[in-house]
Amino acid sequence: MATVTRYPFTRHLQVGPTSYVRHLRNGRVAHEGTAAAFWFRPLSAVLSEVPMDDRELPLLFHARTSDFQDVTVQATVTYRVVDPTAATTRLDFAIDPASGRWTNAPLEQLAGMLTESAQQHALDLLTVTPLDTALTDGVRAVRDRIAAGLQGDARLTTTGVAVLDVRVVAIRPEAEVERALQTPTREHIQQDADRATYERRALAVERERAIAENELQNRIELARRTEQLVGQQGANDRRAAEEAAAADRIAVGAEAARTRDLAAVRAEATRADGEAQVAPYRDLDPEVLLALAVRELAANLPNIDHLTVTPDLLAPVLARLGERA
């Protein structure tokens, strides 16, 4: 907006760096330019201010596809005035010399022109496009159609307006249709989620089975090794018993040999002792030996109070005495 400073009989106008101002006096151009500042007389001055900055115009309108489905198109058009002189001749950008404000609404008129033109190009395309194509490829197609249509619009060109960019944010059907269209996708997503859940559960069961099998294999291996350990311990105990028995046999054999040797030595000693005792009597006469024996026997006999001598006892003695005589 222009800034107007009041002075007696005259006024001063100043605009921003992105505004074009035009001063007509008596039908002729007195001042014009961007970011201009000048003095003027309010009674003879006709002032126009045209913004030169980039402006964005949001668009929201309804359309009907070839299969008679209503859709909502949301877009944004970026434009700017490139020829302010032409704009001032086609639209009323006049400002009040006292306040510096527009006397009309030129930007609303320009926005209406752009909206109607963009909407017309979008409708021309969507009316021959089915709903599914409009929802899948419609954003790019509508954007290109609006951009081409606005850039080639003769009315905008003669007004000095250039369209810099067109963005189509969304093309959406009615809520019920949108939910109906989303249902197969949601079902597919739900099926994928259920499949993923089942696969995750199956994987968990498979992992649990693998863990159980691993534990079973570990237990089997542990039992096998325990069996080997028990067998080895039995073999070791049996070997130890055999070794102990062999050692006992060796000890018993050694003891028996020692006993035999001791017995042999004792027997030999006894025999030698007997031979030594018998040696003095070896060369004696038998009768002498008999007499000695009788005497020894008599010395060891108990006391005899009565002795009965029969002929049977005396007969052999007398016979022996007779033989000697």
C-alpha atoms as a PDB file:
ATOM      1  CA  MET A   1       0.000   0.000   0.000  1.00  0.00           C
ATOM      2  CA  ALA A   2       1.244   3.468  -0.871  1.00  0.00           C
ATOM      3  CA  THR A   3       2.084   5.946   1.855  1.00  0.00           C
ATOM      4  CA  VAL A   4       0.605   9.396   1.328  1.00  0.00           C
ATOM      5  CA  THR A   5       1.879  12.319   3.380  1.00  0.00           C
ATOM      6  CA  ARG A   6      -0.314  15.377   3.499  1.00  0.00           C
ATOM      7  CA  TYR A   7       1.007  18.925   3.215  1.00  0.00           C
ATOM      8  CA  PRO A   8      -0.795  22.221   2.525  1.00  0.00           C
ATOM      9  CA  PHE A   9      -1.853  22.345  -1.155  1.00  0.00           C
ATOM     10  CA  THR A  10       0.288  19.293  -2.001  1.00  0.00           C
ATOM     11  CA  ARG A  11       0.986  15.732  -1.000  1.00  0.00           C
ATOM     12  CA  HIS A  12       3.822  13.252  -1.157  1.00  0.00           C
ATOM     13  CA  LEU A  13       3.471   9.598  -2.217  1.00  0.00           C
ATOM     14  CA  GLN A  14       5.879   6.780  -1.572  1.00  0.00           C
ATOM     15  CA  VAL A  15       5.502   3.060  -2.409  1.00  0.00           C
ATOM     16  CA  GLY A  16       7.366  -0.073  -1.442  1.00  0.00           C
ATOM     17  CA  PRO A  17      10.175  -1.699  -3.427  1.00  0.00           C
ATOM     18  CA  THR A  18       7.833  -4.276  -5.033  1.00  0.00           C
ATOM     19  CA  SER A  19       5.081  -1.867  -6.094  1.00  0.00           C
ATOM     20  CA  TYR A  20       4.694  -0.032  -9.355  1.00  0.00           C
ATOM     21  CA  VAL A  21       3.007   3.360  -9.195  1.00  0.00           C
ATOM     22  CA  ARG A  22       1.694   5.512 -12.059  1.00  0.00           C
ATOM     23  CA  HIS A  23       0.777   9.177 -11.800  1.00  0.00           C
ATOM     24  CA  LEU A  24      -1.428  10.684 -14.491  1.00  0.00           C
ATOM     25  CA  ARG A  25      -1.999  14.445 -14.595  1.00  0.00           C
ATOM     26  CA  ASN A  26      -4.541  15.758 -17.047  1.00  0.00           C
ATOM     27  CA  GLY A  27      -4.457  12.409 -18.871  1.00  0.00           C
ATOM     28  CA  ARG A  28      -0.684  12.387 -19.246  1.00  0.00           C
ATOM     29  CA  VAL A  29       1.920  10.370 -17.385  1.00  0.00           C
ATOM     30  CA  ALA A  30       3.649  12.564 -14.839  1.00  0.00           C
ATOM     31  CA  HIS A  31       5.421   9.891 -12.802  1.00  0.00           C
ATOM     32  CA  GLU A  32       5.718   6.107 -13.030  1.00  0.00           C
ATOM     33  CA  GLY A  33       8.049   3.412 -11.842  1.00  0.00           C
ATOM     34  CA  THR A  34       8.792   0.816  -9.178  1.00  0.00           C
ATOM     35  CA  ALA A  35       9.572   2.053  -5.661  1.00  0.00           C
ATOM     36  CA  ALA A  36       8.852   5.600  -6.807  1.00  0.00           C
ATOM     37  CA  ALA A  37       8.332   8.665  -4.588  1.00  0.00           C
ATOM     38  CA  PHE A  38       7.040  11.998  -5.806  1.00  0.00           C
ATOM     39  CA  TRP A  39       4.953  15.081  -5.036  1.00  0.00           C
ATOM     40  CA  PHE A  40       1.496  15.503  -6.528  1.00  0.00           C
ATOM     41  CA  ARG A  41      -1.582  17.691  -6.319  1.00  0.00           C
ATOM     42  CA  PRO A  42      -4.593  15.635  -5.271  1.00  0.00           C
ATOM     43  CA  LEU A  43      -7.125  17.519  -7.354  1.00  0.00           C
ATOM     44  CA  SER A  44      -5.379  16.836 -10.668  1.00  0.00           C
ATOM     45  CA  ALA A  45      -3.725  13.504  -9.945  1.00  0.00           C
ATOM     46  CA  VAL A  46      -4.866  10.040 -10.979  1.00  0.00           C
ATOM     47  CA  LEU A  47      -2.797   7.435  -9.132  1.00  0.00           C
ATOM     48  CA  SER A  48      -2.487   3.668  -9.774  1.00  0.00           C
ATOM     49  CA  GLU A  49      -0.488   1.152  -7.764  1.00  0.00           C
ATOM     50  CA  VAL A  50       0.299  -2.319  -9.112  1.00  0.00           C
ATOM     51  CA  PRO A  51       2.044  -4.936  -6.883  1.00  0.00           C
ATOM     52  CA  MET A  52       5.003  -6.542  -8.677  1.00  0.00           C
ATOM     53  CA  ASP A  53       5.810  -9.312  -6.186  1.00  0.00           C
ATOM     54  CA  ASP A  54       5.023 -13.006  -6.630  1.00  0.00           C
ATOM     55  CA  ARG A  55       1.620 -13.942  -5.312  1.00  0.00           C
ATOM     56  CA  GLU A  56       0.019 -17.299  -4.634  1.00  0.00           C
ATOM     57  CA  LEU A  57      -3.630 -17.985  -5.304  1.00  0.00           C
ATOM     58  CA  PRO A  58      -5.130 -21.077  -3.590  1.00  0.00           C
ATOM     59  CA  LEU A  59      -7.815 -22.832  -5.605  1.00  0.00           C
ATOM     60  CA  LEU A  60     -10.498 -25.226  -4.387  1.00  0.00           C
ATOM     61  CA  PHE A  61     -13.271 -26.276  -6.743  1.00  0.00           C
ATOM     62  CA  HIS A  62     -15.435 -29.258  -7.615  1.00  0.00           C
ATOM     63  CA  ALA A  63     -15.522 -31.186 -10.870  1.00  0.00           C
ATOM     64  CA  ARG A  64     -17.258 -34.235 -12.321  1.00  0.00           C
ATOM     65  CA  THR A  65     -15.462 -37.081 -14.024  1.00  0.00           C
ATOM     66  CA  SER A  66     -16.577 -38.977 -17.119  1.00  0.00           C
ATOM     67  CA  ASP A  67     -18.249 -41.617 -14.938  1.00  0.00           C
ATOM     68  CA  PHE A  68     -20.273 -38.918 -13.123  1.00  0.00           C
ATOM     69  CA  GLN A  69     -18.306 -38.891  -9.907  1.00  0.00           C
ATOM     70  CA  ASP A  70     -17.760 -35.626  -8.047  1.00  0.00           C
ATOM     71  CA  VAL A  71     -14.156 -34.792  -7.137  1.00  0.00           C
ATOM     72  CA  THR A  72     -12.579 -31.860  -5.307  1.00  0.00           C
ATOM     73  CA  VAL A  73      -9.476 -30.279  -6.810  1.00  0.00           C
ATOM     74  CA  GLN A  74      -7.082 -28.425  -4.525  1.00  0.00           C
ATOM     75  CA  ALA A  75      -4.388 -26.398  -6.279  1.00  0.00           C
ATOM     76  CA  THR A  76      -2.206 -23.305  -5.970  1.00  0.00           C
ATOM     77  CA  VAL A  77      -1.286 -20.847  -8.743  1.00  0.00           C
ATOM     78  CA  THR A  78       1.752 -18.579  -8.427  1.00  0.00           C
ATOM     79  CA  TYR A  79       1.631 -15.448 -10.586  1.00  0.00           C
ATOM     80  CA  ARG A  80       2.978 -11.945 -10.875  1.00  0.00           C
ATOM     81  CA  VAL A  81       2.293  -8.767 -12.884  1.00  0.00           C
ATOM     82  CA  VAL A  82       5.068  -8.410 -15.467  1.00  0.00           C
ATOM     83  CA  ASP A  83       3.555  -5.500 -17.403  1.00  0.00           C
ATOM     84  CA  PRO A  84       2.103  -3.011 -14.886  1.00  0.00           C
ATOM     85  CA  THR A  85       1.255  -0.494 -17.601  1.00  0.00           C
ATOM     86  CA  ALA A  86      -0.988  -3.036 -19.357  1.00  0.00           C
ATOM     87  CA  ALA A  87      -2.455  -4.047 -16.020  1.00  0.00           C
ATOM     88  CA  THR A  88      -3.447  -0.469 -15.187  1.00  0.00           C
ATOM     89  CA  THR A  89      -5.239  -0.192 -18.517  1.00  0.00           C
ATOM     90  CA  ARG A  90      -7.156  -3.490 -18.099  1.00  0.00           C
ATOM     91  CA  LEU A  91      -7.908  -3.487 -14.363  1.00  0.00           C
ATOM     92  CA  ASP A  92      -8.727  -0.679 -11.960  1.00  0.00           C
ATOM     93  CA  PHE A  93      -5.625  -0.322  -9.733  1.00  0.00           C
ATOM     94  CA  ALA A  94      -6.540   3.290  -8.809  1.00  0.00           C
ATOM     95  CA  ILE A  95      -5.682   4.446  -5.280  1.00  0.00           C
ATOM     96  CA  ASP A  96      -7.213   7.185  -3.168  1.00  0.00           C
ATOM     97  CA  PRO A  97      -4.931  10.278  -3.182  1.00  0.00           C
ATOM     98  CA  ALA A  98      -5.832  10.924   0.429  1.00  0.00           C
ATOM     99  CA  SER A  99      -5.312   7.465   1.974  1.00  0.00           C
ATOM    100  CA  GLY A 100      -3.228   5.584  -0.588  1.00  0.00           C
ATOM    101  CA  ARG A 101      -5.696   2.657  -0.597  1.00  0.00           C
ATOM    102  CA  TRP A 102      -7.240   1.034  -3.651  1.00  0.00           C
ATOM    103  CA  THR A 103     -10.611   2.431  -4.486  1.00  0.00           C
ATOM    104  CA  ASN A 104     -11.705  -0.980  -5.818  1.00  0.00           C
ATOM    105  CA  ALA A 105     -10.475  -4.568  -5.380  1.00  0.00           C
ATOM    106  CA  PRO A 106      -8.178  -5.203  -8.360  1.00  0.00           C
ATOM    107  CA  LEU A 107      -6.439  -8.205  -6.832  1.00  0.00           C
ATOM    108  CA  GLU A 108      -9.795  -9.898  -6.263  1.00  0.00           C
ATOM    109  CA  GLN A 109     -10.687  -9.266  -9.895  1.00  0.00           C
ATOM    110  CA  LEU A 110      -7.346 -10.746 -10.978  1.00  0.00           C
ATOM    111  CA  ALA A 111      -7.824 -13.725  -8.652  1.00  0.00           C
ATOM    112  CA  GLY A 112     -11.297 -14.315 -10.064  1.00  0.00           C
ATOM    113  CA  MET A 113      -9.920 -14.240 -13.595  1.00  0.00           C
ATOM    114  CA  LEU A 114      -7.209 -16.768 -12.728  1.00  0.00           C
ATOM    115  CA  THR A 115      -9.610 -18.998 -10.780  1.00  0.00           C
ATOM    116  CA  GLU A 116     -12.170 -19.174 -13.552  1.00  0.00           C
ATOM    117  CA  SER A 117      -9.560 -19.833 -16.206  1.00  0.00           C
ATOM    118  CA  ALA A 118      -7.794 -22.539 -14.151  1.00  0.00           C
ATOM    119  CA  GLN A 119     -11.092 -24.158 -13.229  1.00  0.00           C
ATOM    120  CA  GLN A 120     -12.231 -24.206 -16.832  1.00  0.00           C
ATOM    121  CA  HIS A 121      -9.072 -25.975 -18.023  1.00  0.00           C
ATOM    122  CA  ALA A 122      -9.311 -28.529 -15.198  1.00  0.00           C
ATOM    123  CA  LEU A 123     -12.974 -29.221 -15.920  1.00  0.00           C
ATOM    124  CA  ASP A 124     -12.252 -29.733 -19.627  1.00  0.00           C
ATOM    125  CA  LEU A 125      -9.820 -32.465 -18.686  1.00  0.00           C
ATOM    126  CA  LEU A 126     -11.697 -34.136 -15.831  1.00  0.00           C
ATOM    127  CA  THR A 127     -14.995 -34.411 -17.698  1.00  0.00           C
ATOM    128  CA  VAL A 128     -13.393 -36.875 -20.136  1.00  0.00           C
ATOM    129  CA  THR A 129     -11.376 -38.740 -17.495  1.00  0.00           C
ATOM    130  CA  PRO A 130     -12.756 -41.653 -15.418  1.00  0.00           C
ATOM    131  CA  LEU A 131     -12.495 -41.507 -11.661  1.00  0.00           C
ATOM    132  CA  ASP A 132      -9.780 -44.123 -11.201  1.00  0.00           C
ATOM    133  CA  THR A 133      -7.544 -42.399 -13.786  1.00  0.00           C
ATOM    134  CA  ALA A 134      -8.233 -38.995 -12.236  1.00  0.00           C
ATOM    135  CA  LEU A 135      -7.194 -40.271  -8.821  1.00  0.00           C
ATOM    136  CA  THR A 136      -4.064 -42.061 -10.012  1.00  0.00           C
ATOM    137  CA  ASP A 137      -2.718 -39.816 -12.789  1.00  0.00           C
ATOM    138  CA  GLY A 138      -4.991 -36.797 -12.482  1.00  0.00           C
ATOM    139  CA  VAL A 139      -2.694 -34.611 -10.352  1.00  0.00           C
ATOM    140  CA  ARG A 140       0.035 -34.455 -12.974  1.00  0.00           C
ATOM    141  CA  ALA A 141      -2.409 -34.195 -15.879  1.00  0.00           C
ATOM    142  CA  VAL A 142      -4.499 -31.444 -14.276  1.00  0.00           C
ATOM    143  CA  ARG A 143      -1.377 -29.507 -13.285  1.00  0.00           C
ATOM    144  CA  ASP A 144       0.009 -29.629 -16.802  1.00  0.00           C
ATOM    145  CA  ARG A 145      -3.357 -28.694 -18.329  1.00  0.00           C
ATOM    146  CA  ILE A 146      -3.864 -25.706 -16.001  1.00  0.00           C
ATOM    147  CA  ALA A 147      -0.291 -24.491 -16.461  1.00  0.00           C
ATOM    148  CA  ALA A 148      -0.506 -24.730 -20.260  1.00  0.00           C
ATOM    149  CA  GLY A 149      -3.938 -23.128 -20.334  1.00  0.00           C
ATOM    150  CA  LEU A 150      -3.021 -20.178 -18.102  1.00  0.00           C
ATOM    151  CA  GLN A 151       0.276 -19.517 -19.849  1.00  0.00           C
ATOM    152  CA  GLY A 152      -1.509 -19.469 -23.191  1.00  0.00           C
ATOM    153  CA  ASP A 153      -4.466 -17.392 -22.004  1.00  0.00           C
ATOM    154  CA  ALA A 154      -4.628 -14.266 -24.202  1.00  0.00           C
ATOM    155  CA  ARG A 155      -6.597 -12.329 -21.622  1.00  0.00           C
ATOM    156  CA  LEU A 156      -3.917 -12.811 -18.967  1.00  0.00           C
ATOM    157  CA  THR A 157      -1.208 -11.917 -21.465  1.00  0.00           C
ATOM    158  CA  THR A 158      -2.900  -8.667 -22.459  1.00  0.00           C
ATOM    159  CA  THR A 159      -3.439  -7.879 -18.785  1.00  0.00           C
ATOM    160  CA  GLY A 160       0.295  -8.217 -18.171  1.00  0.00           C
ATOM    161  CA  VAL A 161       0.003 -11.221 -15.828  1.00  0.00           C
ATOM    162  CA  ALA A 162       2.418 -14.148 -16.025  1.00  0.00           C
ATOM    163  CA  VAL A 163       1.757 -17.511 -14.388  1.00  0.00           C
ATOM    164  CA  LEU A 164       4.966 -18.737 -12.754  1.00  0.00           C
ATOM    165  CA  ASP A 165       3.924 -22.059 -11.295  1.00  0.00           C
ATOM    166  CA  VAL A 166       0.921 -24.343 -10.847  1.00  0.00           C
ATOM    167  CA  ARG A 167       0.719 -26.945  -8.094  1.00  0.00           C
ATOM    168  CA  VAL A 168      -2.120 -29.426  -7.722  1.00  0.00           C
ATOM    169  CA  VAL A 169      -2.140 -30.612  -4.148  1.00  0.00           C
ATOM    170  CA  ALA A 170      -4.900 -33.224  -4.310  1.00  0.00           C
ATOM    171  CA  ILE A 171      -7.830 -34.606  -6.252  1.00  0.00           C
ATOM    172  CA  ARG A 172     -10.229 -36.261  -3.855  1.00  0.00           C
ATOM    173  CA  PRO A 173     -13.616 -37.918  -4.418  1.00  0.00           C
ATOM    174  CA  GLU A 174     -16.559 -37.744  -2.069  1.00  0.00           C
ATOM    175  CA  ALA A 175     -16.102 -39.258   1.371  1.00  0.00           C
ATOM    176  CA  GLU A 176     -18.290 -42.308   0.698  1.00  0.00           C
ATOM    177  CA  VAL A 177     -16.616 -43.012  -2.646  1.00  0.00           C
ATOM    178  CA  GLU A 178     -13.196 -42.522  -1.118  1.00  0.00           C
ATOM    179  CA  ARG A 179     -13.965 -44.988   1.664  1.00  0.00           C
ATOM    180  CA  ALA A 180     -15.290 -47.460  -0.912  1.00  0.00           C
ATOM    181  CA  LEU A 181     -12.141 -47.085  -2.981  1.00  0.00           C
ATOM    182  CA  GLN A 182      -9.984 -47.466   0.094  1.00  0.00           C
ATOM    183  CA  THR A 183     -11.720 -50.673   1.150  1.00  0.00           C
ATOM    184  CA  PRO A 184      -9.886 -53.061  -1.260  1.00  0.00           C
ATOM    185  CA  THR A 185      -6.564 -51.488  -0.379  1.00  0.00           C
ATOM    186  CA  ARG A 186      -7.346 -51.676   3.308  1.00  0.00           C
ATOM    187  CA  GLU A 187      -8.407 -55.291   2.919  1.00  0.00           C
ATOM    188  CA  HIS A 188      -5.211 -56.033   1.035  1.00  0.00           C
ATOM    189  CA  ILE A 189      -3.171 -54.282   3.708  1.00  0.00           C
ATOM    190  CA  GLN A 190      -5.065 -56.172   6.402  1.00  0.00           C
ATOM    191  CA  GLN A 191      -4.420 -59.435   4.567  1.00  0.00           C
ATOM    192  CA  ASP A 192      -0.752 -58.574   4.341  1.00  0.00           C
ATOM    193  CA  ALA A 193      -0.773 -57.725   8.038  1.00  0.00           C
ATOM    194  CA  ASP A 194      -2.545 -61.007   8.854  1.00  0.00           C
ATOM    195  CA  ARG A 195      -0.131 -62.891   6.614  1.00  0.00           C
ATOM    196  CA  ALA A 196       2.776 -61.189   8.341  1.00  0.00           C
ATOM    197  CA  THR A 197       1.260 -62.080  11.718  1.00  0.00           C
ATOM    198  CA  TYR A 198       0.795 -65.711  10.678  1.00  0.00           C
ATOM    199  CA  GLU A 199       4.284 -65.855   9.254  1.00  0.00           C
ATOM    200  CA  ARG A 200       5.647 -64.311  12.435  1.00  0.00           C
ATOM    201  CA  ARG A 201       3.754 -66.855  14.518  1.00  0.00           C
ATOM    202  CA  ALA A 202       4.871 -69.688  12.249  1.00  0.00           C
ATOM    203  CA  LEU A 203       8.423 -68.443  12.509  1.00  0.00           C
ATOM    204  CA  ALA A 204       8.080 -68.283  16.286  1.00  0.00           C
ATOM    205  CA  VAL A 205       6.715 -71.860  16.351  1.00  0.00           C
ATOM    206  CA  GLU A 206       9.507 -72.975  14.037  1.00  0.00           C
ATOM    207  CA  ARG A 207      12.064 -71.319  16.272  1.00  0.00           C
ATOM    208  CA  GLU A 208      10.513 -72.912  19.354  1.00  0.00           C
ATOM    209  CA  ARG A 209      10.601 -76.285  17.603  1.00  0.00           C
ATOM    210  CA  ALA A 210      14.223 -75.731  16.652  1.00  0.00           C
ATOM    211  CA  ILE A 211      15.002 -74.758  20.246  1.00  0.00           C
ATOM    212  CA  ALA A 212      13.180 -77.875  21.536  1.00  0.00           C
ATOM    213  CA  GLU A 213      15.023 -80.068  19.039  1.00  0.00           C
ATOM    214  CA  ASN A 214      18.274 -78.449  20.024  1.00  0.00           C
ATOM    215  CA  GLU A 215      17.528 -79.083  23.699  1.00  0.00           C
ATOM    216  CA  LEU A 216      16.584 -82.693  22.878  1.00  0.00           C
ATOM    217  CA  GLN A 217      19.783 -83.162  20.892  1.00  0.00           C
ATOM    218  CA  ASN A 218      21.715 -81.683  23.799  1.00  0.00           C
ATOM    219  CA  ARG A 219      20.011 -84.059  26.206  1.00  0.00           C
ATOM    220  CA  ILE A 220      20.691 -87.019  23.902  1.00  0.00           C
ATOM    221  CA  GLU A 221      24.311 -85.974  23.550  1.00  0.00           C
ATOM    222  CA  LEU A 222      24.541 -85.506  27.304  1.00  0.00           C
ATOM    223  CA  ALA A 223      23.029 -88.955  27.889  1.00  0.00           C
ATOM    224  CA  ARG A 224      25.437 -90.490  25.372  1.00  0.00           C
ATOM    225  CA  ARG A 225      28.376 -88.847  27.017  1.00  0.00           C
ATOM    226  CA  THR A 226      27.052 -89.896  30.437  1.00  0.00           C
ATOM    227  CA  GLU A 227      26.817 -93.467  29.134  1.00  0.00           C
ATOM    228  CA  GLN A 228      30.374 -93.226  27.843  1.00  0.00           C
ATOM    229  CA  LEU A 229      31.465 -91.795  31.179  1.00  0.00           C
ATOM    230  CA  VAL A 230      29.711 -94.580  33.116  1.00  0.00           C
ATOM    231  CA  GLY A 231      31.205 -97.207  30.793  1.00  0.00           C
ATOM    232  CA  GLN A 232      34.620 -95.662  31.140  1.00  0.00           C
ATOM    233  CA  GLN A 233      34.228 -95.504  34.914  1.00  0.00           C
ATOM    234  CA  GLY A 234      33.135 -99.183  34.946  1.00  0.00           C
ATOM    235  CA  ALA A 235      36.086-100.117  32.783  1.00  0.00           C
ATOM    236  CA  ASN A 236      38.363 -98.149  35.041  1.00  0.00           C
ATOM    237  CA  ASP A 237      36.869 -99.806  38.153  1.00  0.00           C
ATOM    238  CA  ARG A 238      37.113-103.239  36.518  1.00  0.00           C
ATOM    239  CA  ARG A 239      40.701-102.580  35.534  1.00  0.00           C
ATOM    240  CA  ALA A 240      41.439-101.318  39.028  1.00  0.00           C
ATOM    241  CA  ALA A 241      39.828-104.478  40.496  1.00  0.00           C
ATOM    242  CA  GLU A 242      41.806-106.652  38.101  1.00  0.00           C
ATOM    243  CA  GLU A 243      44.953-104.818  38.978  1.00  0.00           C
ATOM    244  CA  ALA A 244      44.118-105.151  42.700  1.00  0.00           C
ATOM    245  CA  ALA A 245      43.345-108.891  42.257  1.00  0.00           C
ATOM    246  CA  ALA A 246      46.589-109.388  40.343  1.00  0.00           C
ATOM    247  CA  ALA A 247      48.434-107.525  43.044  1.00  0.00           C
ATOM    248  CA  ASP A 248      46.706-109.705  45.682  1.00  0.00           C
ATOM    249  CA  ARG A 249      47.590-112.828  43.741  1.00  0.00           C
ATOM    250  CA  ILE A 250      51.149-111.713  43.519  1.00  0.00           C
ATOM    251  CA  ALA A 251      51.171-110.903  47.232  1.00  0.00           C
ATOM    252  CA  VAL A 252      49.518-114.237  48.105  1.00  0.00           C
ATOM    253  CA  GLY A 253      51.944-116.088  45.835  1.00  0.00           C
ATOM    254  CA  ALA A 254      54.849-114.308  47.394  1.00  0.00           C
ATOM    255  CA  GLU A 255      53.471-115.064  50.875  1.00  0.00           C
ATOM    256  CA  ALA A 256      52.881-118.716  49.930  1.00  0.00           C
ATOM    257  CA  ALA A 257      56.385-118.982  48.459  1.00  0.00           C
ATOM    258  CA  ARG A 258      57.767-117.392  51.591  1.00  0.00           C
ATOM    259  CA  THR A 259      55.734-119.792  53.743  1.00  0.00           C
ATOM    260  CA  ARG A 260      56.871-122.734  51.672  1.00  0.00           C
ATOM    261  CA  ASP A 261      60.451-121.612  51.885  1.00  0.00           C
ATOM    262  CA  LEU A 262      60.076-121.109  55.634  1.00  0.00           C
ATOM    263  CA  ALA A 263      58.449-124.518  56.017  1.00  0.00           C
ATOM    264  CA  ALA A 264      61.187-126.091  53.932  1.00  0.00           C
ATOM    265  CA  VAL A 265      63.808-124.392  56.047  1.00  0.00           C
ATOM    266  CA  ARG A 266      62.045-125.476  59.234  1.00  0.00           C
ATOM    267  CA  ALA A 267      61.660-129.033  57.917  1.00  0.00           C
ATOM    268  CA  GLU A 268      65.281-129.104  56.953  1.00  0.00           C
ATOM    269  CA  ALA A 269      66.195-127.803  60.383  1.00  0.00           C
ATOM    270  CA  THR A 270      63.954-130.362  62.032  1.00  0.00           C
ATOM    271  CA  ARG A 271      65.398-133.131  59.904  1.00  0.00           C
ATOM    272  CA  ALA A 272      68.909-131.998  60.694  1.00  0.00           C
ATOM    273  CA  ASP A 273      68.021-131.801  64.366  1.00  0.00           C
ATOM    274  CA  GLY A 274      66.505-135.275  64.231  1.00  0.00           C
ATOM    275  CA  GLU A 275      69.460-136.637  62.420  1.00  0.00           C
ATOM    276  CA  ALA A 276      71.709-135.011  64.998  1.00  0.00           C
ATOM    277  CA  GLN A 277      69.688-136.602  67.813  1.00  0.00           C
ATOM    278  CA  VAL A 278      69.581-139.985  66.131  1.00  0.00           C
ATOM    279  CA  ALA A 279      73.250-140.044  65.114  1.00  0.00           C
ATOM    280  CA  PRO A 280      74.546-141.159  68.584  1.00  0.00           C
ATOM    281  CA  TYR A 281      72.187-144.169  68.507  1.00  0.00           C
ATOM    282  CA  ARG A 282      72.750-145.156  64.884  1.00  0.00           C
ATOM    283  CA  ASP A 283      75.684-147.587  65.605  1.00  0.00           C
ATOM    284  CA  LEU A 284      74.302-149.079  68.889  1.00  0.00           C
ATOM    285  CA  ASP A 285      73.113-152.631  69.193  1.00  0.00           C
ATOM    286  CA  PRO A 286      69.402-153.149  68.792  1.00  0.00           C
ATOM    287  CA  GLU A 287      69.119-154.667  72.209  1.00  0.00           C
ATOM    288  CA  VAL A 288      70.824-151.675  73.665  1.00  0.00           C
ATOM    289  CA  LEU A 289      68.425-149.451  71.828  1.00  0.00           C
ATOM    290  CA  LEU A 290      65.580-151.565  73.083  1.00  0.00           C
ATOM    291  CA  ALA A 291      66.866-151.353  76.612  1.00  0.00           C
ATOM    292  CA  LEU A 292      67.187-147.602  76.300  1.00  0.00           C
ATOM    293  CA  ALA A 293      63.743-147.416  74.893  1.00  0.00           C
ATOM    294  CA  VAL A 294      62.357-149.466  77.684  1.00  0.00           C
ATOM    295  CA  ARG A 295      64.142-147.367  80.202  1.00  0.00           C
ATOM    296  CA  GLU A 296      62.827-144.198  78.588  1.00  0.00           C
ATOM    297  CA  LEU A 297      59.437-145.724  78.482  1.00  0.00           C
ATOM    298  CA  ALA A 298      59.685-146.750  82.056  1.00  0.00           C
ATOM    299  CA  ALA A 299      60.678-143.268  83.042  1.00  0.00           C
ATOM    300  CA  ASN A 300      57.618-141.867  81.365  1.00  0.00           C
ATOM    301  CA  LEU A 301      55.164-144.485  82.490  1.00  0.00           C
ATOM    302  CA  PRO A 302      52.900-143.853  85.416  1.00  0.00           C
ATOM    303  CA  ASN A 303      53.497-145.588  88.712  1.00  0.00           C
ATOM    304  CA  ILE A 304      52.772-149.349  88.580  1.00  0.00           C
ATOM    305  CA  ASP A 305      51.622-150.890  91.773  1.00  0.00           C
ATOM    306  CA  HIS A 306      51.145-154.433  90.393  1.00  0.00           C
ATOM    307  CA  LEU A 307      52.867-156.100  87.418  1.00  0.00           C
ATOM    308  CA  THR A 308      51.591-159.332  85.996  1.00  0.00           C
ATOM    309  CA  VAL A 309      54.105-161.298  83.905  1.00  0.00           C
ATOM    310  CA  THR A 310      52.631-163.999  81.673  1.00  0.00           C
ATOM    311  CA  PRO A 311      54.445-166.663  79.776  1.00  0.00           C
ATOM    312  CA  ASP A 312      53.537-164.980  76.537  1.00  0.00           C
ATOM    313  CA  LEU A 313      55.598-162.003  77.527  1.00  0.00           C
ATOM    314  CA  LEU A 314      58.619-163.968  78.731  1.00  0.00           C
ATOM    315  CA  ALA A 315      58.726-166.449  75.863  1.00  0.00           C
ATOM    316  CA  PRO A 316      60.160-164.008  73.297  1.00  0.00           C
ATOM    317  CA  VAL A 317      62.695-162.660  75.744  1.00  0.00           C
ATOM    318  CA  LEU A 318      63.885-166.057  76.747  1.00  0.00           C
ATOM    319  CA  ALA A 319      64.051-167.060  73.146  1.00  0.00           C
ATOM    320  CA  ARG A 320      66.288-164.117  72.310  1.00  0.00           C
ATOM    321  CA  LEU A 321      68.532-164.851  75.314  1.00  0.00           C
ATOM    322  CA  GLY A 322      68.810-168.447  74.178  1.00  0.00           C
ATOM    323  CA  GLU A 323      69.871-167.407  70.723  1.00  0.00           C
ATOM    324  CA  ARG A 324      72.594-165.203  72.113  1.00  0.00           C
ATOM    325  CA  ALA A 325      73.864-168.005  74.338  1.00  0.00           C
END
